[in-house]
N, C-alpha and C. Protein backbone atom coordinates (compact mmCIF):
# COMPACT_ATOMS: atom_id res chain seq x y z
N MET A 1 -3.17 60.79 -14.29
CA MET A 1 -3.83 60.07 -13.23
C MET A 1 -4.48 58.80 -13.78
N ALA A 2 -5.11 58.94 -14.98
CA ALA A 2 -5.78 57.79 -15.58
C ALA A 2 -4.76 56.71 -15.93
N GLY A 3 -3.55 57.11 -16.37
CA GLY A 3 -2.51 56.14 -16.69
C GLY A 3 -2.04 55.39 -15.46
N ALA A 4 -1.94 56.09 -14.33
CA ALA A 4 -1.52 55.46 -13.08
C ALA A 4 -2.57 54.46 -12.61
N ALA A 5 -3.85 54.81 -12.76
CA ALA A 5 -4.95 53.91 -12.36
C ALA A 5 -4.95 52.67 -13.24
N SER A 6 -4.69 52.88 -14.54
CA SER A 6 -4.66 51.75 -15.47
C SER A 6 -3.50 50.80 -15.13
N ARG A 7 -2.32 51.39 -14.84
CA ARG A 7 -1.18 50.56 -14.46
C ARG A 7 -1.45 49.80 -13.17
N LEU A 8 -2.13 50.44 -12.21
CA LEU A 8 -2.48 49.81 -10.94
C LEU A 8 -3.43 48.64 -11.17
N GLN A 9 -4.42 48.82 -12.06
CA GLN A 9 -5.36 47.73 -12.35
C GLN A 9 -4.64 46.54 -13.01
N ARG A 10 -3.72 46.85 -13.94
CA ARG A 10 -2.96 45.78 -14.59
C ARG A 10 -2.07 45.05 -13.59
N ALA A 11 -1.45 45.80 -12.69
CA ALA A 11 -0.60 45.18 -11.66
C ALA A 11 -1.42 44.28 -10.76
N ARG A 12 -2.62 44.74 -10.39
CA ARG A 12 -3.51 43.91 -9.56
C ARG A 12 -3.92 42.65 -10.31
N ALA A 13 -4.22 42.79 -11.59
CA ALA A 13 -4.62 41.63 -12.39
C ALA A 13 -3.49 40.63 -12.48
N VAL A 14 -2.26 41.12 -12.73
CA VAL A 14 -1.10 40.23 -12.81
C VAL A 14 -0.86 39.55 -11.47
N LEU A 15 -0.89 40.33 -10.38
CA LEU A 15 -0.69 39.75 -9.05
C LEU A 15 -1.80 38.76 -8.72
N GLY A 16 -3.03 39.07 -9.08
CA GLY A 16 -4.15 38.15 -8.83
C GLY A 16 -3.97 36.85 -9.58
N THR A 17 -3.55 36.95 -10.85
CA THR A 17 -3.30 35.74 -11.65
C THR A 17 -2.15 34.93 -11.06
N ALA A 18 -1.08 35.63 -10.66
CA ALA A 18 0.06 34.93 -10.05
C ALA A 18 -0.35 34.25 -8.76
N ALA A 19 -1.16 34.93 -7.93
CA ALA A 19 -1.61 34.34 -6.67
C ALA A 19 -2.47 33.10 -6.94
N CYS A 20 -3.35 33.19 -7.94
CA CYS A 20 -4.18 32.02 -8.29
C CYS A 20 -3.32 30.86 -8.77
N ALA A 21 -2.30 31.19 -9.61
CA ALA A 21 -1.41 30.14 -10.11
C ALA A 21 -0.64 29.48 -8.97
N LEU A 22 -0.15 30.30 -8.03
CA LEU A 22 0.56 29.73 -6.88
C LEU A 22 -0.36 28.87 -6.02
N ALA A 23 -1.58 29.34 -5.79
CA ALA A 23 -2.52 28.56 -4.98
C ALA A 23 -2.87 27.25 -5.67
N LEU A 24 -3.11 27.30 -6.99
CA LEU A 24 -3.42 26.08 -7.73
C LEU A 24 -2.23 25.13 -7.71
N GLY A 25 -1.02 25.68 -7.91
CA GLY A 25 0.19 24.84 -7.87
C GLY A 25 0.36 24.19 -6.51
N GLY A 26 0.11 24.94 -5.44
CA GLY A 26 0.21 24.39 -4.09
C GLY A 26 -0.82 23.32 -3.85
N ALA A 27 -2.04 23.53 -4.34
CA ALA A 27 -3.09 22.53 -4.17
C ALA A 27 -2.75 21.26 -4.94
N LEU A 28 -2.24 21.41 -6.15
CA LEU A 28 -1.87 20.23 -6.93
C LEU A 28 -0.70 19.50 -6.29
N ALA A 29 0.26 20.22 -5.77
CA ALA A 29 1.40 19.58 -5.11
C ALA A 29 0.94 18.82 -3.88
N ALA A 30 -0.03 19.35 -3.16
CA ALA A 30 -0.56 18.68 -1.98
C ALA A 30 -1.31 17.41 -2.36
N CYS A 31 -1.88 17.39 -3.56
CA CYS A 31 -2.67 16.23 -4.00
C CYS A 31 -1.81 15.15 -4.64
N SER A 32 -0.61 15.48 -5.09
CA SER A 32 0.21 14.47 -5.74
C SER A 32 1.37 14.09 -4.82
N PRO A 33 1.28 12.90 -4.25
CA PRO A 33 2.29 12.48 -3.27
C PRO A 33 3.66 12.29 -3.92
N THR A 34 4.67 12.45 -3.12
CA THR A 34 6.03 12.20 -3.56
C THR A 34 6.36 10.74 -3.26
N PHE A 35 6.77 10.04 -4.28
CA PHE A 35 7.16 8.65 -4.12
C PHE A 35 8.68 8.59 -4.20
N ASP A 36 9.32 8.38 -3.06
CA ASP A 36 10.78 8.28 -2.97
C ASP A 36 11.11 6.80 -2.82
N TRP A 37 11.03 6.07 -3.94
CA TRP A 37 11.17 4.61 -3.91
C TRP A 37 12.56 4.20 -3.46
N ARG A 38 12.59 3.19 -2.60
CA ARG A 38 13.84 2.60 -2.12
C ARG A 38 13.62 1.10 -1.95
N THR A 39 14.65 0.34 -2.26
CA THR A 39 14.57 -1.12 -2.14
C THR A 39 14.90 -1.52 -0.70
N ILE A 40 13.99 -2.28 -0.11
CA ILE A 40 14.15 -2.78 1.26
C ILE A 40 14.39 -4.28 1.19
N MET A 41 15.49 -4.73 1.78
CA MET A 41 15.77 -6.16 1.86
C MET A 41 15.51 -6.59 3.29
N ASN A 42 14.54 -7.45 3.48
CA ASN A 42 14.21 -7.93 4.80
C ASN A 42 14.73 -9.37 4.92
N ASN A 43 15.95 -9.50 5.37
CA ASN A 43 16.59 -10.81 5.47
C ASN A 43 15.95 -11.68 6.55
N ASP A 44 15.44 -11.06 7.62
CA ASP A 44 14.81 -11.84 8.69
C ASP A 44 13.56 -12.57 8.21
N ASN A 45 12.79 -11.91 7.35
CA ASN A 45 11.53 -12.51 6.89
C ASN A 45 11.57 -12.99 5.44
N GLY A 46 12.71 -12.81 4.78
CA GLY A 46 12.91 -13.43 3.46
C GLY A 46 12.22 -12.76 2.29
N TYR A 47 12.28 -11.42 2.19
CA TYR A 47 11.71 -10.76 1.01
C TYR A 47 12.46 -9.46 0.73
N THR A 48 12.25 -8.98 -0.47
CA THR A 48 12.71 -7.66 -0.88
C THR A 48 11.52 -6.94 -1.53
N VAL A 49 11.46 -5.62 -1.35
CA VAL A 49 10.34 -4.84 -1.89
C VAL A 49 10.78 -3.39 -2.02
N ASP A 50 10.20 -2.68 -2.96
CA ASP A 50 10.39 -1.24 -3.07
C ASP A 50 9.28 -0.55 -2.30
N LEU A 51 9.67 0.37 -1.40
CA LEU A 51 8.69 1.16 -0.65
C LEU A 51 8.88 2.63 -0.99
N PRO A 52 7.79 3.43 -0.96
CA PRO A 52 7.86 4.82 -1.42
C PRO A 52 8.40 5.81 -0.39
N ALA A 53 8.82 5.34 0.76
CA ALA A 53 9.36 6.19 1.82
C ALA A 53 10.10 5.29 2.81
N LYS A 54 10.79 5.90 3.74
CA LYS A 54 11.49 5.12 4.77
C LYS A 54 10.45 4.35 5.59
N PRO A 55 10.64 3.03 5.72
CA PRO A 55 9.62 2.23 6.40
C PRO A 55 9.70 2.29 7.92
N GLY A 56 8.56 2.08 8.52
CA GLY A 56 8.47 1.85 9.95
C GLY A 56 8.25 0.37 10.18
N ASN A 57 8.49 -0.10 11.38
CA ASN A 57 8.34 -1.52 11.71
C ASN A 57 7.41 -1.68 12.90
N ASP A 58 6.65 -2.77 12.89
CA ASP A 58 5.75 -3.07 13.98
C ASP A 58 5.59 -4.58 14.07
N GLN A 59 5.19 -5.06 15.22
CA GLN A 59 4.91 -6.49 15.42
C GLN A 59 3.69 -6.62 16.30
N ARG A 60 2.95 -7.69 16.07
CA ARG A 60 1.81 -7.99 16.93
C ARG A 60 1.52 -9.48 16.83
N VAL A 61 0.73 -9.95 17.78
CA VAL A 61 0.32 -11.35 17.77
C VAL A 61 -1.09 -11.42 17.18
N VAL A 62 -1.29 -12.36 16.25
CA VAL A 62 -2.61 -12.60 15.67
C VAL A 62 -3.04 -14.02 16.02
N GLN A 63 -4.33 -14.21 16.16
CA GLN A 63 -4.88 -15.54 16.46
C GLN A 63 -5.41 -16.14 15.16
N ILE A 64 -4.78 -17.20 14.70
CA ILE A 64 -5.21 -17.86 13.47
C ILE A 64 -5.60 -19.28 13.83
N GLY A 65 -6.88 -19.57 13.69
CA GLY A 65 -7.38 -20.90 14.04
C GLY A 65 -7.13 -21.24 15.50
N GLY A 66 -7.17 -20.22 16.37
CA GLY A 66 -6.96 -20.44 17.79
C GLY A 66 -5.50 -20.52 18.20
N THR A 67 -4.58 -20.38 17.25
CA THR A 67 -3.15 -20.44 17.55
C THR A 67 -2.55 -19.04 17.45
N PRO A 68 -1.88 -18.57 18.50
CA PRO A 68 -1.23 -17.26 18.40
C PRO A 68 0.00 -17.34 17.50
N MET A 69 0.10 -16.37 16.58
CA MET A 69 1.23 -16.31 15.65
C MET A 69 1.73 -14.88 15.60
N GLN A 70 3.05 -14.74 15.47
CA GLN A 70 3.68 -13.42 15.40
C GLN A 70 3.54 -12.87 13.98
N MET A 71 3.13 -11.59 13.87
CA MET A 71 3.06 -10.92 12.57
C MET A 71 3.94 -9.68 12.62
N ALA A 72 4.92 -9.61 11.72
CA ALA A 72 5.80 -8.44 11.60
C ALA A 72 5.32 -7.60 10.42
N MET A 73 5.38 -6.28 10.57
CA MET A 73 4.92 -5.37 9.52
C MET A 73 6.00 -4.35 9.21
N GLN A 74 6.18 -4.07 7.92
CA GLN A 74 6.97 -2.93 7.48
C GLN A 74 6.01 -2.05 6.68
N THR A 75 5.93 -0.77 7.06
CA THR A 75 4.98 0.13 6.41
C THR A 75 5.66 1.43 6.00
N ALA A 76 5.14 2.03 4.93
CA ALA A 76 5.61 3.34 4.47
C ALA A 76 4.41 4.08 3.89
N GLU A 77 4.37 5.38 4.14
CA GLU A 77 3.27 6.21 3.64
C GLU A 77 3.77 7.15 2.55
N ALA A 78 2.91 7.33 1.54
CA ALA A 78 3.16 8.32 0.48
C ALA A 78 1.81 8.93 0.14
N GLY A 79 1.66 10.22 0.43
CA GLY A 79 0.38 10.87 0.18
C GLY A 79 -0.70 10.25 1.02
N ASP A 80 -1.79 9.86 0.38
CA ASP A 80 -2.92 9.25 1.07
C ASP A 80 -2.90 7.73 0.99
N ALA A 81 -1.72 7.14 0.80
CA ALA A 81 -1.63 5.68 0.66
C ALA A 81 -0.62 5.12 1.65
N LEU A 82 -0.96 3.96 2.18
CA LEU A 82 -0.08 3.21 3.07
C LEU A 82 0.35 1.95 2.33
N PHE A 83 1.65 1.73 2.23
CA PHE A 83 2.22 0.54 1.60
C PHE A 83 2.75 -0.33 2.73
N ALA A 84 2.42 -1.62 2.72
CA ALA A 84 2.81 -2.48 3.83
C ALA A 84 3.13 -3.90 3.36
N VAL A 85 4.08 -4.51 4.06
CA VAL A 85 4.34 -5.94 3.91
C VAL A 85 4.25 -6.53 5.30
N GLY A 86 3.29 -7.44 5.46
CA GLY A 86 3.13 -8.16 6.71
C GLY A 86 3.61 -9.59 6.53
N THR A 87 4.30 -10.10 7.54
CA THR A 87 4.79 -11.48 7.50
C THR A 87 4.32 -12.21 8.74
N VAL A 88 3.55 -13.27 8.54
CA VAL A 88 3.10 -14.11 9.65
C VAL A 88 4.06 -15.29 9.75
N MET A 89 4.63 -15.48 10.95
CA MET A 89 5.51 -16.61 11.20
C MET A 89 4.66 -17.80 11.66
N LEU A 90 4.68 -18.85 10.87
CA LEU A 90 3.84 -20.02 11.14
C LEU A 90 4.56 -21.00 12.07
N PRO A 91 3.79 -21.77 12.84
CA PRO A 91 4.41 -22.77 13.71
C PRO A 91 4.98 -23.96 12.94
N ASN A 92 4.50 -24.15 11.70
CA ASN A 92 5.03 -25.21 10.84
C ASN A 92 4.75 -24.83 9.39
N ASP A 93 5.29 -25.59 8.45
CA ASP A 93 5.08 -25.27 7.04
C ASP A 93 4.05 -26.17 6.37
N GLY A 94 3.15 -26.75 7.16
CA GLY A 94 2.12 -27.63 6.61
C GLY A 94 1.12 -26.88 5.74
N ASP A 95 0.59 -27.58 4.75
CA ASP A 95 -0.39 -26.97 3.83
C ASP A 95 -1.60 -26.41 4.57
N ALA A 96 -2.11 -27.15 5.56
CA ALA A 96 -3.30 -26.70 6.29
C ALA A 96 -3.00 -25.41 7.07
N THR A 97 -1.83 -25.31 7.65
CA THR A 97 -1.44 -24.11 8.39
C THR A 97 -1.30 -22.93 7.45
N GLN A 98 -0.67 -23.14 6.30
CA GLN A 98 -0.52 -22.07 5.31
C GLN A 98 -1.89 -21.60 4.81
N ARG A 99 -2.78 -22.55 4.48
CA ARG A 99 -4.12 -22.20 3.98
C ARG A 99 -4.91 -21.41 5.02
N ALA A 100 -4.83 -21.82 6.28
CA ALA A 100 -5.55 -21.12 7.35
C ALA A 100 -5.05 -19.68 7.48
N ALA A 101 -3.74 -19.47 7.39
CA ALA A 101 -3.18 -18.12 7.50
C ALA A 101 -3.57 -17.27 6.30
N LEU A 102 -3.52 -17.84 5.11
CA LEU A 102 -3.94 -17.11 3.90
C LEU A 102 -5.41 -16.71 3.99
N GLU A 103 -6.24 -17.63 4.45
CA GLU A 103 -7.68 -17.33 4.58
C GLU A 103 -7.91 -16.24 5.63
N PHE A 104 -7.18 -16.30 6.74
CA PHE A 104 -7.29 -15.28 7.78
C PHE A 104 -6.98 -13.89 7.21
N LEU A 105 -5.88 -13.78 6.45
CA LEU A 105 -5.50 -12.50 5.86
C LEU A 105 -6.49 -12.04 4.79
N ARG A 106 -6.90 -12.96 3.93
CA ARG A 106 -7.83 -12.63 2.84
C ARG A 106 -9.15 -12.10 3.38
N THR A 107 -9.74 -12.83 4.32
CA THR A 107 -11.04 -12.39 4.86
C THR A 107 -10.90 -11.15 5.74
N GLY A 108 -9.77 -11.03 6.42
CA GLY A 108 -9.54 -9.85 7.26
C GLY A 108 -9.46 -8.57 6.44
N LEU A 109 -8.73 -8.60 5.33
CA LEU A 109 -8.65 -7.43 4.46
C LEU A 109 -10.02 -7.03 3.94
N ALA A 110 -10.78 -8.03 3.49
CA ALA A 110 -12.12 -7.76 2.95
C ALA A 110 -13.04 -7.21 4.03
N ARG A 111 -12.99 -7.79 5.21
CA ARG A 111 -13.85 -7.35 6.31
C ARG A 111 -13.53 -5.90 6.71
N ASN A 112 -12.26 -5.51 6.64
CA ASN A 112 -11.87 -4.16 7.01
C ASN A 112 -12.51 -3.08 6.16
N VAL A 113 -12.90 -3.42 4.92
CA VAL A 113 -13.56 -2.45 4.05
C VAL A 113 -14.98 -2.87 3.68
N GLY A 114 -15.49 -3.89 4.36
CA GLY A 114 -16.86 -4.33 4.12
C GLY A 114 -17.09 -4.85 2.71
N ALA A 115 -16.13 -5.57 2.16
CA ALA A 115 -16.23 -6.08 0.79
C ALA A 115 -16.17 -7.60 0.80
N ALA A 116 -16.57 -8.20 -0.31
CA ALA A 116 -16.47 -9.65 -0.48
C ALA A 116 -14.99 -10.01 -0.63
N PRO A 117 -14.55 -11.13 -0.05
CA PRO A 117 -13.13 -11.51 -0.09
C PRO A 117 -12.71 -12.15 -1.41
N ASP A 118 -13.03 -11.49 -2.54
CA ASP A 118 -12.68 -12.04 -3.85
C ASP A 118 -11.18 -11.95 -4.10
N ALA A 119 -10.64 -13.00 -4.68
CA ALA A 119 -9.21 -13.04 -5.01
C ALA A 119 -9.03 -13.91 -6.24
N HIS A 120 -7.95 -13.67 -6.95
CA HIS A 120 -7.60 -14.54 -8.07
C HIS A 120 -6.11 -14.89 -7.98
N ALA A 121 -5.74 -15.95 -8.67
CA ALA A 121 -4.37 -16.45 -8.62
C ALA A 121 -3.41 -15.50 -9.33
N VAL A 122 -2.20 -15.41 -8.79
CA VAL A 122 -1.15 -14.59 -9.38
C VAL A 122 0.19 -15.24 -9.05
N GLN A 123 1.17 -15.06 -9.91
CA GLN A 123 2.50 -15.59 -9.67
C GLN A 123 3.34 -14.54 -8.93
N ILE A 124 3.98 -14.95 -7.84
CA ILE A 124 4.85 -14.09 -7.05
C ILE A 124 6.30 -14.50 -7.36
N PRO A 125 7.14 -13.55 -7.78
CA PRO A 125 8.51 -13.91 -8.16
C PRO A 125 9.39 -14.26 -6.96
N LEU A 126 10.32 -15.16 -7.22
CA LEU A 126 11.35 -15.52 -6.25
C LEU A 126 12.65 -14.82 -6.66
N ALA A 127 13.38 -14.29 -5.69
CA ALA A 127 14.61 -13.56 -5.97
C ALA A 127 15.64 -14.42 -6.71
N ALA A 128 15.66 -15.72 -6.45
CA ALA A 128 16.62 -16.62 -7.08
C ALA A 128 16.14 -17.12 -8.44
N GLY A 129 14.98 -16.63 -8.88
CA GLY A 129 14.39 -17.09 -10.14
C GLY A 129 13.22 -18.01 -9.86
N GLY A 130 12.31 -18.06 -10.79
CA GLY A 130 11.10 -18.85 -10.63
C GLY A 130 10.00 -18.04 -9.95
N GLN A 131 8.91 -18.73 -9.68
CA GLN A 131 7.74 -18.08 -9.09
C GLN A 131 7.01 -19.05 -8.19
N VAL A 132 6.16 -18.49 -7.34
CA VAL A 132 5.31 -19.29 -6.48
C VAL A 132 3.90 -18.72 -6.60
N LEU A 133 2.91 -19.59 -6.50
CA LEU A 133 1.52 -19.19 -6.67
C LEU A 133 1.02 -18.43 -5.44
N GLY A 134 0.35 -17.31 -5.67
CA GLY A 134 -0.23 -16.51 -4.60
C GLY A 134 -1.62 -16.04 -4.99
N LEU A 135 -2.17 -15.13 -4.20
CA LEU A 135 -3.49 -14.55 -4.45
C LEU A 135 -3.36 -13.05 -4.61
N GLU A 136 -4.21 -12.48 -5.47
CA GLU A 136 -4.24 -11.03 -5.66
C GLU A 136 -5.67 -10.55 -5.44
N MET A 137 -5.79 -9.38 -4.78
CA MET A 137 -7.10 -8.80 -4.48
C MET A 137 -7.08 -7.30 -4.77
N LYS A 138 -8.22 -6.78 -5.20
CA LYS A 138 -8.43 -5.33 -5.25
C LYS A 138 -9.84 -5.12 -4.72
N LEU A 139 -9.92 -4.40 -3.61
CA LEU A 139 -11.20 -4.21 -2.92
C LEU A 139 -11.44 -2.72 -2.70
N THR A 140 -12.68 -2.32 -2.76
CA THR A 140 -13.05 -0.95 -2.42
C THR A 140 -14.25 -1.01 -1.50
N GLY A 141 -14.20 -0.21 -0.44
CA GLY A 141 -15.31 -0.17 0.50
C GLY A 141 -15.08 0.90 1.55
N GLU A 142 -15.89 0.86 2.58
CA GLU A 142 -15.80 1.85 3.65
C GLU A 142 -15.06 1.26 4.84
N ALA A 143 -14.23 2.10 5.46
CA ALA A 143 -13.43 1.64 6.59
C ALA A 143 -13.46 2.66 7.71
N GLY A 144 -13.23 2.18 8.91
CA GLY A 144 -13.11 3.06 10.06
C GLY A 144 -14.42 3.61 10.57
N SER A 145 -14.33 4.31 11.67
CA SER A 145 -15.53 4.86 12.30
C SER A 145 -16.16 5.97 11.47
N GLN A 146 -15.37 6.61 10.59
CA GLN A 146 -15.90 7.67 9.74
C GLN A 146 -16.44 7.12 8.41
N HIS A 147 -16.37 5.82 8.22
CA HIS A 147 -16.84 5.16 7.00
C HIS A 147 -16.27 5.81 5.75
N GLU A 148 -14.94 6.01 5.76
CA GLU A 148 -14.26 6.62 4.63
C GLU A 148 -13.98 5.56 3.56
N THR A 149 -14.11 5.93 2.32
CA THR A 149 -13.84 5.01 1.22
C THR A 149 -12.36 4.70 1.17
N ARG A 150 -12.05 3.42 1.04
CA ARG A 150 -10.67 2.94 0.93
C ARG A 150 -10.59 1.94 -0.23
N THR A 151 -9.48 1.99 -0.93
CA THR A 151 -9.17 1.00 -1.95
C THR A 151 -7.98 0.19 -1.45
N VAL A 152 -8.11 -1.13 -1.49
CA VAL A 152 -7.06 -2.02 -1.01
C VAL A 152 -6.58 -2.86 -2.20
N TYR A 153 -5.28 -2.83 -2.42
CA TYR A 153 -4.62 -3.70 -3.38
C TYR A 153 -3.78 -4.66 -2.54
N ALA A 154 -3.87 -5.95 -2.80
CA ALA A 154 -3.11 -6.88 -1.95
C ALA A 154 -2.67 -8.11 -2.73
N ARG A 155 -1.54 -8.63 -2.31
CA ARG A 155 -1.06 -9.94 -2.76
C ARG A 155 -0.72 -10.74 -1.52
N LEU A 156 -1.17 -11.99 -1.51
CA LEU A 156 -0.95 -12.90 -0.39
C LEU A 156 -0.24 -14.14 -0.92
N VAL A 157 0.71 -14.63 -0.14
CA VAL A 157 1.45 -15.81 -0.59
C VAL A 157 2.04 -16.53 0.62
N ALA A 158 2.11 -17.86 0.52
CA ALA A 158 2.74 -18.68 1.56
C ALA A 158 4.01 -19.29 0.98
N ARG A 159 5.05 -19.31 1.82
CA ARG A 159 6.31 -19.96 1.43
C ARG A 159 6.99 -20.45 2.69
N GLY A 160 7.11 -21.75 2.80
CA GLY A 160 7.73 -22.34 3.99
C GLY A 160 6.94 -22.00 5.24
N ARG A 161 7.63 -21.47 6.26
CA ARG A 161 6.96 -21.14 7.52
C ARG A 161 6.55 -19.67 7.59
N HIS A 162 6.37 -19.04 6.41
CA HIS A 162 5.93 -17.65 6.36
C HIS A 162 4.73 -17.50 5.44
N VAL A 163 3.83 -16.61 5.83
CA VAL A 163 2.76 -16.16 4.94
C VAL A 163 2.91 -14.65 4.84
N TYR A 164 2.87 -14.15 3.60
CA TYR A 164 3.12 -12.74 3.34
C TYR A 164 1.86 -12.03 2.86
N GLN A 165 1.73 -10.78 3.27
CA GLN A 165 0.65 -9.91 2.80
C GLN A 165 1.29 -8.60 2.35
N ALA A 166 1.40 -8.41 1.04
CA ALA A 166 1.88 -7.14 0.50
C ALA A 166 0.62 -6.35 0.14
N ALA A 167 0.46 -5.16 0.71
CA ALA A 167 -0.80 -4.43 0.51
C ALA A 167 -0.58 -2.93 0.40
N ILE A 168 -1.48 -2.32 -0.34
CA ILE A 168 -1.57 -0.86 -0.44
C ILE A 168 -2.99 -0.51 -0.01
N ILE A 169 -3.10 0.42 0.92
CA ILE A 169 -4.41 0.91 1.36
C ILE A 169 -4.42 2.40 1.06
N ALA A 170 -5.36 2.82 0.20
CA ALA A 170 -5.39 4.21 -0.25
C ALA A 170 -6.80 4.79 -0.13
N SER A 171 -6.87 6.10 -0.10
CA SER A 171 -8.16 6.77 0.00
C SER A 171 -8.89 6.76 -1.34
N GLY A 172 -8.24 6.30 -2.38
CA GLY A 172 -8.85 6.17 -3.70
C GLY A 172 -7.91 5.39 -4.59
N PRO A 173 -8.31 5.17 -5.84
CA PRO A 173 -7.44 4.43 -6.75
C PRO A 173 -6.12 5.15 -6.96
N LEU A 174 -5.04 4.38 -7.07
CA LEU A 174 -3.70 4.93 -7.32
C LEU A 174 -3.38 4.81 -8.80
N GLN A 175 -2.38 5.57 -9.23
CA GLN A 175 -1.89 5.40 -10.59
C GLN A 175 -1.32 3.99 -10.70
N GLN A 176 -1.60 3.34 -11.82
CA GLN A 176 -1.18 1.96 -12.01
C GLN A 176 0.33 1.80 -11.90
N GLU A 177 1.10 2.81 -12.31
CA GLU A 177 2.56 2.69 -12.22
C GLU A 177 3.04 2.56 -10.78
N GLN A 178 2.34 3.19 -9.82
CA GLN A 178 2.72 3.08 -8.41
C GLN A 178 2.40 1.67 -7.89
N VAL A 179 1.24 1.16 -8.27
CA VAL A 179 0.84 -0.20 -7.88
C VAL A 179 1.82 -1.21 -8.47
N ASP A 180 2.15 -1.05 -9.75
CA ASP A 180 3.06 -1.97 -10.42
C ASP A 180 4.46 -1.92 -9.81
N GLN A 181 4.94 -0.72 -9.48
CA GLN A 181 6.27 -0.57 -8.87
C GLN A 181 6.35 -1.40 -7.59
N PHE A 182 5.33 -1.27 -6.75
CA PHE A 182 5.32 -1.98 -5.47
C PHE A 182 5.25 -3.49 -5.68
N PHE A 183 4.26 -3.95 -6.43
CA PHE A 183 4.06 -5.40 -6.56
C PHE A 183 5.14 -6.09 -7.42
N SER A 184 5.64 -5.42 -8.45
CA SER A 184 6.66 -6.07 -9.26
C SER A 184 7.98 -6.20 -8.51
N SER A 185 8.19 -5.33 -7.51
CA SER A 185 9.44 -5.40 -6.73
C SER A 185 9.37 -6.42 -5.59
N PHE A 186 8.18 -6.85 -5.24
CA PHE A 186 8.00 -7.78 -4.12
C PHE A 186 8.47 -9.17 -4.53
N GLN A 187 9.59 -9.63 -3.96
CA GLN A 187 10.15 -10.94 -4.28
C GLN A 187 10.52 -11.66 -2.99
N LEU A 188 10.32 -12.95 -3.01
CA LEU A 188 10.66 -13.79 -1.85
C LEU A 188 12.01 -14.44 -2.05
N TYR A 189 12.68 -14.70 -0.92
CA TYR A 189 13.98 -15.40 -0.97
C TYR A 189 13.72 -16.89 -0.96
């Protein structure tokens, strides 16, 4: 009888350990998003980018300096992060129009998380070779009605009659390799 009780206790211990391991594995799997990277070529808006999931598309009108402009968005979610490329179609390719649109996007991103609109210069690659000057931002702050912490990584650039906003919005910092994958793949035509 004592041997049977001992075997039962060992079986319970093994099953308990296995259950804990499965629960921990499930929790870790839920915390680590799956990144199924795919290259998206957007010929209408003149860019290519790698997104971590099949993208969705949206459009809306934004008011920039009192002028309505169309903004197209391609977005993909992976885990707790949203990856997006927004393209504002400008009425002309003038420097003042491009600057106004860049400023609108820069301050809008910062305002969304209650942060200062700090940015620094970065080179954005062109698919045909070469680069164009853009802005890069990394902001952390509170967003939404629940005041949840969000980290925003963004690159903004103007080219011709388009202004682009490549951005990642996450509930916390992402692994640098995911950020690099997204931004290094973002190229303009």
